C-alpha atoms as a PDB file:
ATOM      1  CA  UNK A   1     -44.975  20.146 -18.048  1.00  0.00           C
ATOM      2  CA  UNK A   2     -45.878  22.920 -15.578  1.00  0.00           C
ATOM      3  CA  UNK A   3     -43.298  25.335 -14.181  1.00  0.00           C
ATOM      4  CA  UNK A   4     -43.146  23.682 -10.751  1.00  0.00           C
ATOM      5  CA  UNK A   5     -42.374  20.223 -12.169  1.00  0.00           C
ATOM      6  CA  UNK A   6     -39.812  21.684 -14.544  1.00  0.00           C
ATOM      7  CA  UNK A   7     -37.974  23.427 -11.684  1.00  0.00           C
ATOM      8  CA  UNK A   8     -37.946  20.214  -9.580  1.00  0.00           C
ATOM      9  CA  UNK A   9     -36.579  18.221 -12.542  1.00  0.00           C
ATOM     10  CA  UNK A  10     -33.922  20.867 -13.228  1.00  0.00           C
ATOM     11  CA  UNK A  11     -32.845  20.868  -9.559  1.00  0.00           C
ATOM     12  CA  UNK A  12     -32.612  17.048  -9.501  1.00  0.00           C
ATOM     13  CA  UNK A  13     -30.453  16.945 -12.651  1.00  0.00           C
ATOM     14  CA  UNK A  14     -28.173  19.653 -11.235  1.00  0.00           C
ATOM     15  CA  UNK A  15     -27.660  17.768  -7.954  1.00  0.00           C
ATOM     16  CA  UNK A  16     -26.961  14.472  -9.725  1.00  0.00           C
ATOM     17  CA  UNK A  17     -24.457  16.120 -12.079  1.00  0.00           C
ATOM     18  CA  UNK A  18     -22.721  17.808  -9.164  1.00  0.00           C
ATOM     19  CA  UNK A  19     -22.437  14.509  -7.288  1.00  0.00           C
ATOM     20  CA  UNK A  20     -21.001  12.716 -10.331  1.00  0.00           C
ATOM     21  CA  UNK A  21     -18.422  15.454 -10.888  1.00  0.00           C
ATOM     22  CA  UNK A  22     -17.444  15.396  -7.215  1.00  0.00           C
ATOM     23  CA  UNK A  23     -16.949  11.618  -7.261  1.00  0.00           C
ATOM     24  CA  UNK A  24     -14.907  11.759 -10.462  1.00  0.00           C
ATOM     25  CA  UNK A  25     -12.768  14.554  -9.047  1.00  0.00           C
ATOM     26  CA  UNK A  26     -12.145  12.574  -5.859  1.00  0.00           C
ATOM     27  CA  UNK A  27     -10.904   9.521  -7.779  1.00  0.00           C
ATOM     28  CA  UNK A  28      -8.703  11.677 -10.027  1.00  0.00           C
ATOM     29  CA  UNK A  29      -7.115  13.473  -7.089  1.00  0.00           C
ATOM     30  CA  UNK A  30      -6.722  10.216  -5.186  1.00  0.00           C
ATOM     31  CA  UNK A  31      -4.669   8.848  -8.055  1.00  0.00           C
ATOM     32  CA  UNK A  32      -2.625  11.985  -8.597  1.00  0.00           C
ATOM     33  CA  UNK A  33      -1.598  12.638  -5.007  1.00  0.00           C
ATOM     34  CA  UNK A  34      -0.834   8.999  -4.375  1.00  0.00           C
ATOM     35  CA  UNK A  35       1.533   8.656  -7.303  1.00  0.00           C
ATOM     36  CA  UNK A  36       5.263   8.765  -6.879  1.00  0.00           C
ATOM     37  CA  UNK A  37       5.464  11.891  -9.013  1.00  0.00           C
ATOM     38  CA  UNK A  38       4.048  14.308  -6.462  1.00  0.00           C
ATOM     39  CA  UNK A  39       1.904  17.056  -8.057  1.00  0.00           C
ATOM     40  CA  UNK A  40       1.477  20.567  -6.750  1.00  0.00           C
ATOM     41  CA  UNK A  41      -0.490  20.588  -3.531  1.00  0.00           C
ATOM     42  CA  UNK A  42      -4.204  21.268  -3.959  1.00  0.00           C
ATOM     43  CA  UNK A  43      -7.094  21.358  -1.529  1.00  0.00           C
ATOM     44  CA  UNK A  44     -10.326  19.584  -2.401  1.00  0.00           C
ATOM     45  CA  UNK A  45     -13.358  18.130  -0.676  1.00  0.00           C
ATOM     46  CA  UNK A  46     -11.301  14.982   0.010  1.00  0.00           C
ATOM     47  CA  UNK A  47      -8.662  16.893   1.938  1.00  0.00           C
ATOM     48  CA  UNK A  48      -8.602  19.009   5.062  1.00  0.00           C
ATOM     49  CA  UNK A  49      -8.373  22.757   4.531  1.00  0.00           C
ATOM     50  CA  UNK A  50      -5.125  23.128   6.411  1.00  0.00           C
ATOM     51  CA  UNK A  51      -1.993  21.010   6.353  1.00  0.00           C
ATOM     52  CA  UNK A  52      -0.946  19.816   9.833  1.00  0.00           C
ATOM     53  CA  UNK A  53       2.356  21.233  11.002  1.00  0.00           C
ATOM     54  CA  UNK A  54       4.912  18.472  11.776  1.00  0.00           C
ATOM     55  CA  UNK A  55       5.444  18.009  15.503  1.00  0.00           C
ATOM     56  CA  UNK A  56       9.213  17.890  14.967  1.00  0.00           C
ATOM     57  CA  UNK A  57      11.448  19.739  12.512  1.00  0.00           C
ATOM     58  CA  UNK A  58      12.091  17.954   9.232  1.00  0.00           C
ATOM     59  CA  UNK A  59      15.433  16.202   9.079  1.00  0.00           C
ATOM     60  CA  UNK A  60      17.951  16.997   6.374  1.00  0.00           C
ATOM     61  CA  UNK A  61      18.475  14.140   3.884  1.00  0.00           C
ATOM     62  CA  UNK A  62      21.716  12.213   4.426  1.00  0.00           C
ATOM     63  CA  UNK A  63      24.396  12.672   1.741  1.00  0.00           C
ATOM     64  CA  UNK A  64      24.264   8.997   0.780  1.00  0.00           C
ATOM     65  CA  UNK A  65      20.504   8.914   0.148  1.00  0.00           C
ATOM     66  CA  UNK A  66      19.351   8.212  -3.385  1.00  0.00           C
ATOM     67  CA  UNK A  67      18.734  11.626  -5.004  1.00  0.00           C
ATOM     68  CA  UNK A  68      15.133  10.772  -5.917  1.00  0.00           C
ATOM     69  CA  UNK A  69      14.285   9.610  -2.398  1.00  0.00           C
ATOM     70  CA  UNK A  70      16.168  12.507  -0.782  1.00  0.00           C
ATOM     71  CA  UNK A  71      13.840  14.893  -2.604  1.00  0.00           C
ATOM     72  CA  UNK A  72      10.763  13.236  -1.100  1.00  0.00           C
ATOM     73  CA  UNK A  73      12.384  12.859   2.323  1.00  0.00           C
ATOM     74  CA  UNK A  74      13.077  16.591   2.432  1.00  0.00           C
ATOM     75  CA  UNK A  75       9.330  17.203   2.081  1.00  0.00           C
ATOM     76  CA  UNK A  76       8.137  14.491   4.473  1.00  0.00           C
ATOM     77  CA  UNK A  77      10.465  12.476   6.729  1.00  0.00           C
ATOM     78  CA  UNK A  78       7.836   9.730   7.026  1.00  0.00           C
ATOM     79  CA  UNK A  79       8.692   8.420   3.563  1.00  0.00           C
ATOM     80  CA  UNK A  80      10.731   5.211   3.786  1.00  0.00           C
ATOM     81  CA  UNK A  81      10.576   3.802   0.280  1.00  0.00           C
ATOM     82  CA  UNK A  82       8.891   3.407  -3.071  1.00  0.00           C
ATOM     83  CA  UNK A  83       7.073   0.305  -4.299  1.00  0.00           C
ATOM     84  CA  UNK A  84       6.960  -0.450  -8.019  1.00  0.00           C
ATOM     85  CA  UNK A  85       5.538  -3.360 -10.005  1.00  0.00           C
ATOM     86  CA  UNK A  86       6.279  -3.022 -13.708  1.00  0.00           C
ATOM     87  CA  UNK A  87       3.329  -2.706 -16.109  1.00  0.00           C
ATOM     88  CA  UNK A  88       0.895  -1.926 -13.262  1.00  0.00           C
ATOM     89  CA  UNK A  89      -0.354   1.260 -11.593  1.00  0.00           C
ATOM     90  CA  UNK A  90       1.637   0.338  -8.493  1.00  0.00           C
ATOM     91  CA  UNK A  91       4.391   2.924  -8.400  1.00  0.00           C
ATOM     92  CA  UNK A  92       3.860   4.606  -5.048  1.00  0.00           C
ATOM     93  CA  UNK A  93       5.781   6.059  -2.167  1.00  0.00           C
ATOM     94  CA  UNK A  94       5.676   4.031   1.057  1.00  0.00           C
ATOM     95  CA  UNK A  95       5.197   5.832   4.366  1.00  0.00           C
ATOM     96  CA  UNK A  96       5.884   4.889   7.985  1.00  0.00           C
ATOM     97  CA  UNK A  97       4.645   6.711  11.070  1.00  0.00           C
ATOM     98  CA  UNK A  98       4.371   3.950  13.680  1.00  0.00           C
ATOM     99  CA  UNK A  99       0.570   4.030  13.524  1.00  0.00           C
ATOM    100  CA  UNK A 100      -2.253   3.937  10.954  1.00  0.00           C
ATOM    101  CA  UNK A 101      -2.096   7.638  10.105  1.00  0.00           C
ATOM    102  CA  UNK A 102      -1.526   7.111   6.381  1.00  0.00           C
ATOM    103  CA  UNK A 103      -4.538   4.854   5.996  1.00  0.00           C
ATOM    104  CA  UNK A 104      -6.468   8.037   5.163  1.00  0.00           C
ATOM    105  CA  UNK A 105      -3.836  10.756   4.735  1.00  0.00           C
ATOM    106  CA  UNK A 106      -1.742  11.605   1.705  1.00  0.00           C
ATOM    107  CA  UNK A 107       1.917  12.550   1.335  1.00  0.00           C
ATOM    108  CA  UNK A 108       1.130  16.139   2.361  1.00  0.00           C
ATOM    109  CA  UNK A 109      -0.602  14.939   5.541  1.00  0.00           C
ATOM    110  CA  UNK A 110      -3.993  16.027   4.274  1.00  0.00           C
ATOM    111  CA  UNK A 111      -7.019  13.776   4.685  1.00  0.00           C
ATOM    112  CA  UNK A 112      -7.600  11.602   1.633  1.00  0.00           C
ATOM    113  CA  UNK A 113      -9.776   8.526   1.345  1.00  0.00           C
ATOM    114  CA  UNK A 114      -7.253   6.501  -0.654  1.00  0.00           C
ATOM    115  CA  UNK A 115      -4.445   7.238   1.811  1.00  0.00           C
ATOM    116  CA  UNK A 116      -0.923   6.002   1.033  1.00  0.00           C
ATOM    117  CA  UNK A 117       0.891   2.716   1.031  1.00  0.00           C
ATOM    118  CA  UNK A 118       2.338   2.401   4.519  1.00  0.00           C
ATOM    119  CA  UNK A 119       4.422   0.039   6.619  1.00  0.00           C
ATOM    120  CA  UNK A 120       2.611  -1.805   9.409  1.00  0.00           C
ATOM    121  CA  UNK A 121       2.822   0.023  12.733  1.00  0.00           C
ATOM    122  CA  UNK A 122       4.323  -3.026  14.459  1.00  0.00           C
ATOM    123  CA  UNK A 123       7.214  -3.243  12.002  1.00  0.00           C
ATOM    124  CA  UNK A 124      10.599  -1.678  12.592  1.00  0.00           C
ATOM    125  CA  UNK A 125      12.255  -0.020   9.620  1.00  0.00           C
ATOM    126  CA  UNK A 126      15.522   0.981  11.297  1.00  0.00           C
ATOM    127  CA  UNK A 127      16.916  -1.506  12.058  1.00  0.00           C
ATOM    128  CA  UNK A 128      14.884  -3.358   9.458  1.00  0.00           C
ATOM    129  CA  UNK A 129      12.682  -6.295  10.429  1.00  0.00           C
ATOM    130  CA  UNK A 130      12.845  -9.605   8.568  1.00  0.00           C
ATOM    131  CA  UNK A 131       9.445  -8.980   7.007  1.00  0.00           C
ATOM    132  CA  UNK A 132       8.254  -5.573   5.849  1.00  0.00           C
ATOM    133  CA  UNK A 133       4.445  -5.635   5.878  1.00  0.00           C
ATOM    134  CA  UNK A 134       2.953  -2.958   3.619  1.00  0.00           C
ATOM    135  CA  UNK A 135      -0.736  -2.039   3.660  1.00  0.00           C
ATOM    136  CA  UNK A 136      -2.746  -0.327   0.923  1.00  0.00           C
ATOM    137  CA  UNK A 137      -6.407   0.262   0.124  1.00  0.00           C
ATOM    138  CA  UNK A 138      -8.236  -1.951  -2.357  1.00  0.00           C
ATOM    139  CA  UNK A 139      -9.734   0.937  -4.368  1.00  0.00           C
ATOM    140  CA  UNK A 140     -12.504   0.168  -6.844  1.00  0.00           C
ATOM    141  CA  UNK A 141     -10.800   2.458  -9.357  1.00  0.00           C
ATOM    142  CA  UNK A 142      -7.800   0.119  -9.326  1.00  0.00           C
ATOM    143  CA  UNK A 143      -5.346   2.554  -7.749  1.00  0.00           C
ATOM    144  CA  UNK A 144      -3.206   1.778  -4.708  1.00  0.00           C
ATOM    145  CA  UNK A 145      -3.600  -2.019  -4.149  1.00  0.00           C
ATOM    146  CA  UNK A 146      -6.889  -2.160  -6.069  1.00  0.00           C
ATOM    147  CA  UNK A 147      -5.485  -4.586  -8.631  1.00  0.00           C
ATOM    148  CA  UNK A 148      -3.524  -6.813  -6.262  1.00  0.00           C
ATOM    149  CA  UNK A 149      -6.134  -9.574  -6.543  1.00  0.00           C
ATOM    150  CA  UNK A 150      -5.062 -10.068 -10.172  1.00  0.00           C
ATOM    151  CA  UNK A 151      -2.221 -12.116  -8.698  1.00  0.00           C
ATOM    152  CA  UNK A 152      -4.769 -14.890  -8.098  1.00  0.00           C
ATOM    153  CA  UNK A 153      -4.403 -15.584 -11.814  1.00  0.00           C
ATOM    154  CA  UNK A 154      -1.242 -17.662 -12.272  1.00  0.00           C
ATOM    155  CA  UNK A 155      -0.578 -16.204 -15.717  1.00  0.00           C
ATOM    156  CA  UNK A 156      -0.715 -12.704 -14.265  1.00  0.00           C
ATOM    157  CA  UNK A 157       1.694 -13.747 -11.531  1.00  0.00           C
ATOM    158  CA  UNK A 158       4.137 -15.101 -14.121  1.00  0.00           C
ATOM    159  CA  UNK A 159       4.104 -11.729 -15.902  1.00  0.00           C
ATOM    160  CA  UNK A 160       4.481  -9.739 -12.661  1.00  0.00           C
ATOM    161  CA  UNK A 161       6.566 -11.937 -10.391  1.00  0.00           C
ATOM    162  CA  UNK A 162       9.164  -9.251  -9.623  1.00  0.00           C
ATOM    163  CA  UNK A 163       8.662  -6.287  -7.314  1.00  0.00           C
ATOM    164  CA  UNK A 164      10.994  -3.331  -6.935  1.00  0.00           C
ATOM    165  CA  UNK A 165      11.297  -1.751  -3.510  1.00  0.00           C
ATOM    166  CA  UNK A 166      13.451   1.361  -3.386  1.00  0.00           C
ATOM    167  CA  UNK A 167      14.588   2.302   0.098  1.00  0.00           C
ATOM    168  CA  UNK A 168      16.106   5.660   0.922  1.00  0.00           C
ATOM    169  CA  UNK A 169      19.518   4.211   0.094  1.00  0.00           C
ATOM    170  CA  UNK A 170      19.212   1.378  -2.434  1.00  0.00           C
ATOM    171  CA  UNK A 171      17.060  -0.323  -5.042  1.00  0.00           C
ATOM    172  CA  UNK A 172      15.969  -3.853  -4.067  1.00  0.00           C
ATOM    173  CA  UNK A 173      14.370  -6.563  -6.216  1.00  0.00           C
ATOM    174  CA  UNK A 174      11.909  -9.081  -4.764  1.00  0.00           C
ATOM    175  CA  UNK A 175      10.439 -12.267  -6.229  1.00  0.00           C
ATOM    176  CA  UNK A 176       6.884 -13.317  -5.354  1.00  0.00           C
ATOM    177  CA  UNK A 177       6.737 -16.741  -3.700  1.00  0.00           C
ATOM    178  CA  UNK A 178       3.165 -16.937  -2.340  1.00  0.00           C
ATOM    179  CA  UNK A 179      -0.262 -15.520  -3.199  1.00  0.00           C
ATOM    180  CA  UNK A 180      -3.243 -16.187  -0.969  1.00  0.00           C
ATOM    181  CA  UNK A 181      -6.476 -14.899   0.546  1.00  0.00           C
ATOM    182  CA  UNK A 182      -6.735 -14.741   4.328  1.00  0.00           C
ATOM    183  CA  UNK A 183      -8.555 -12.638   6.895  1.00  0.00           C
ATOM    184  CA  UNK A 184      -8.149 -10.793  10.177  1.00  0.00           C
ATOM    185  CA  UNK A 185      -8.905 -13.333  12.874  1.00  0.00           C
ATOM    186  CA  UNK A 186      -9.976 -12.962  16.472  1.00  0.00           C
ATOM    187  CA  UNK A 187      -7.158 -12.786  18.998  1.00  0.00           C
ATOM    188  CA  UNK A 188      -8.339 -16.064  20.485  1.00  0.00           C
ATOM    189  CA  UNK A 189      -8.256 -17.940  17.144  1.00  0.00           C
ATOM    190  CA  UNK A 190      -5.342 -20.377  17.071  1.00  0.00           C
ATOM    191  CA  UNK A 191      -4.640 -20.098  13.349  1.00  0.00           C
ATOM    192  CA  UNK A 192      -1.856 -18.743  11.152  1.00  0.00           C
ATOM    193  CA  UNK A 193      -1.979 -14.954  11.207  1.00  0.00           C
ATOM    194  CA  UNK A 194       0.377 -13.675   8.524  1.00  0.00           C
ATOM    195  CA  UNK A 195       0.086 -10.098   9.814  1.00  0.00           C
ATOM    196  CA  UNK A 196       1.713 -11.001  13.134  1.00  0.00           C
ATOM    197  CA  UNK A 197       5.050 -11.934  11.597  1.00  0.00           C
ATOM    198  CA  UNK A 198       7.593  -9.121  11.507  1.00  0.00           C
ATOM    199  CA  UNK A 199      10.969 -10.325  12.681  1.00  0.00           C
ATOM    200  CA  UNK A 200      12.386 -13.854  12.852  1.00  0.00           C
ATOM    201  CA  UNK A 201      14.527 -14.542  15.877  1.00  0.00           C
ATOM    202  CA  UNK A 202      15.235 -18.115  14.772  1.00  0.00           C
ATOM    203  CA  UNK A 203      15.362 -20.165  11.585  1.00  0.00           C
ATOM    204  CA  UNK A 204      12.454 -22.243  12.890  1.00  0.00           C
ATOM    205  CA  UNK A 205      10.277 -19.154  13.244  1.00  0.00           C
ATOM    206  CA  UNK A 206      11.255 -17.968   9.772  1.00  0.00           C
ATOM    207  CA  UNK A 207      10.548 -21.316   8.117  1.00  0.00           C
ATOM    208  CA  UNK A 208       7.212 -21.622   9.885  1.00  0.00           C
ATOM    209  CA  UNK A 209       6.042 -18.365   8.327  1.00  0.00           C
ATOM    210  CA  UNK A 210       7.339 -19.271   4.859  1.00  0.00           C
ATOM    211  CA  UNK A 211       5.812 -22.768   4.958  1.00  0.00           C
ATOM    212  CA  UNK A 212       2.422 -21.433   6.076  1.00  0.00           C
ATOM    213  CA  UNK A 213       2.410 -18.865   3.271  1.00  0.00           C
ATOM    214  CA  UNK A 214       3.336 -21.506   0.691  1.00  0.00           C
ATOM    215  CA  UNK A 215       0.668 -23.887   2.017  1.00  0.00           C
ATOM    216  CA  UNK A 216      -2.005 -21.186   1.605  1.00  0.00           C
ATOM    217  CA  UNK A 217      -0.768 -20.066  -1.816  1.00  0.00           C
ATOM    218  CA  UNK A 218      -3.284 -20.590  -4.628  1.00  0.00           C
ATOM    219  CA  UNK A 219      -0.480 -22.047  -6.759  1.00  0.00           C
ATOM    220  CA  UNK A 220       3.071 -23.297  -6.267  1.00  0.00           C
ATOM    221  CA  UNK A 221       5.592 -20.735  -7.470  1.00  0.00           C
ATOM    222  CA  UNK A 222       8.527 -23.050  -6.830  1.00  0.00           C
ATOM    223  CA  UNK A 223      10.269 -20.222  -4.946  1.00  0.00           C
ATOM    224  CA  UNK A 224      11.390 -21.119  -1.418  1.00  0.00           C
ATOM    225  CA  UNK A 225      12.973 -18.352   0.692  1.00  0.00           C
ATOM    226  CA  UNK A 226      15.893 -19.280   2.906  1.00  0.00           C
ATOM    227  CA  UNK A 227      16.552 -18.054   6.431  1.00  0.00           C
ATOM    228  CA  UNK A 228      18.242 -14.692   6.106  1.00  0.00           C
ATOM    229  CA  UNK A 229      16.312 -13.615   2.985  1.00  0.00           C
ATOM    230  CA  UNK A 230      14.526 -10.313   3.492  1.00  0.00           C
ATOM    231  CA  UNK A 231      10.741 -10.626   2.980  1.00  0.00           C
ATOM    232  CA  UNK A 232       8.109  -8.221   1.684  1.00  0.00           C
ATOM    233  CA  UNK A 233       4.388  -8.718   2.328  1.00  0.00           C
ATOM    234  CA  UNK A 234       1.721  -6.710   0.479  1.00  0.00           C
ATOM    235  CA  UNK A 235      -1.699  -6.721   2.105  1.00  0.00           C
ATOM    236  CA  UNK A 236      -5.062  -5.266   1.105  1.00  0.00           C
ATOM    237  CA  UNK A 237      -8.754  -5.933   1.709  1.00  0.00           C
ATOM    238  CA  UNK A 238     -10.522  -8.853   0.047  1.00  0.00           C
ATOM    239  CA  UNK A 239     -14.292  -8.525  -0.201  1.00  0.00           C
ATOM    240  CA  UNK A 240     -15.062 -12.211  -0.741  1.00  0.00           C
ATOM    241  CA  UNK A 241     -15.250 -12.779   3.022  1.00  0.00           C
ATOM    242  CA  UNK A 242     -15.694 -10.822   6.219  1.00  0.00           C
ATOM    243  CA  UNK A 243     -12.473  -9.009   7.196  1.00  0.00           C
ATOM    244  CA  UNK A 244     -10.839 -10.705   4.218  1.00  0.00           C
ATOM    245  CA  UNK A 245      -7.296  -9.922   3.093  1.00  0.00           C
ATOM    246  CA  UNK A 246      -5.528 -10.383  -0.239  1.00  0.00           C
ATOM    247  CA  UNK A 247      -1.847 -11.131   0.342  1.00  0.00           C
ATOM    248  CA  UNK A 248       1.236 -11.253  -1.874  1.00  0.00           C
ATOM    249  CA  UNK A 249       4.539 -12.283  -0.277  1.00  0.00           C
ATOM    250  CA  UNK A 250       7.967 -11.940  -1.890  1.00  0.00           C
ATOM    251  CA  UNK A 251      11.599 -12.563  -1.001  1.00  0.00           C
ATOM    252  CA  UNK A 252      14.544 -10.319  -1.747  1.00  0.00           C
ATOM    253  CA  UNK A 253      16.828 -11.502  -4.504  1.00  0.00           C
ATOM    254  CA  UNK A 254      20.425 -11.357  -3.345  1.00  0.00           C
ATOM    255  CA  UNK A 255      22.927  -9.676  -5.600  1.00  0.00           C
END
């Protein structure tokens, strides 16, 4: 092999190795900064160099906040909860900013491809809507909502039917009642659009949403929410169809 070919081969190997390391680093940092246990802030190629300054001063945590949540709230007032599903990687903070900001920003408000779990911009968290719709990326690495489609397996559902949602003030337990695949439809399509349901003004409106979810569910869980039960909807992308969505809906278990 002549010197010129050797140098070209060496350069190619170096570039490929650098790309692989960069991709691995991105996935590692995406997992670390998205976890509930917030690591020390670092800056990488997946983040902006500077951290945006909040437009308003941070609020002081209320005395009756849960100590764990108060700690996060003191760092970023956009945190509204924590979502946990036992024996899964889902153990993340949930953010709310009234827009889609956290679709590609982390807890520190730096750009990050995996983003955060966040409440739908059309929801109201205070006072709380009937249905809290939470979005998260379907990451190939399995982080965020990357493993949510495992709920399509009924055995998996039976082993993971309970979801813990910790608000700033209390720990809530939810029971999954429907699992289905849907999509984002055109505005003119006269079909059931699960993502448009946030607050039920009437029992009829509430039951219509619940019945539609149960009708679409890939299996019958036997769980039927009643008017007044708080609902939790987890939504992520589904790649089996155009603009597809994987959806898991649960109802709060009353004490």
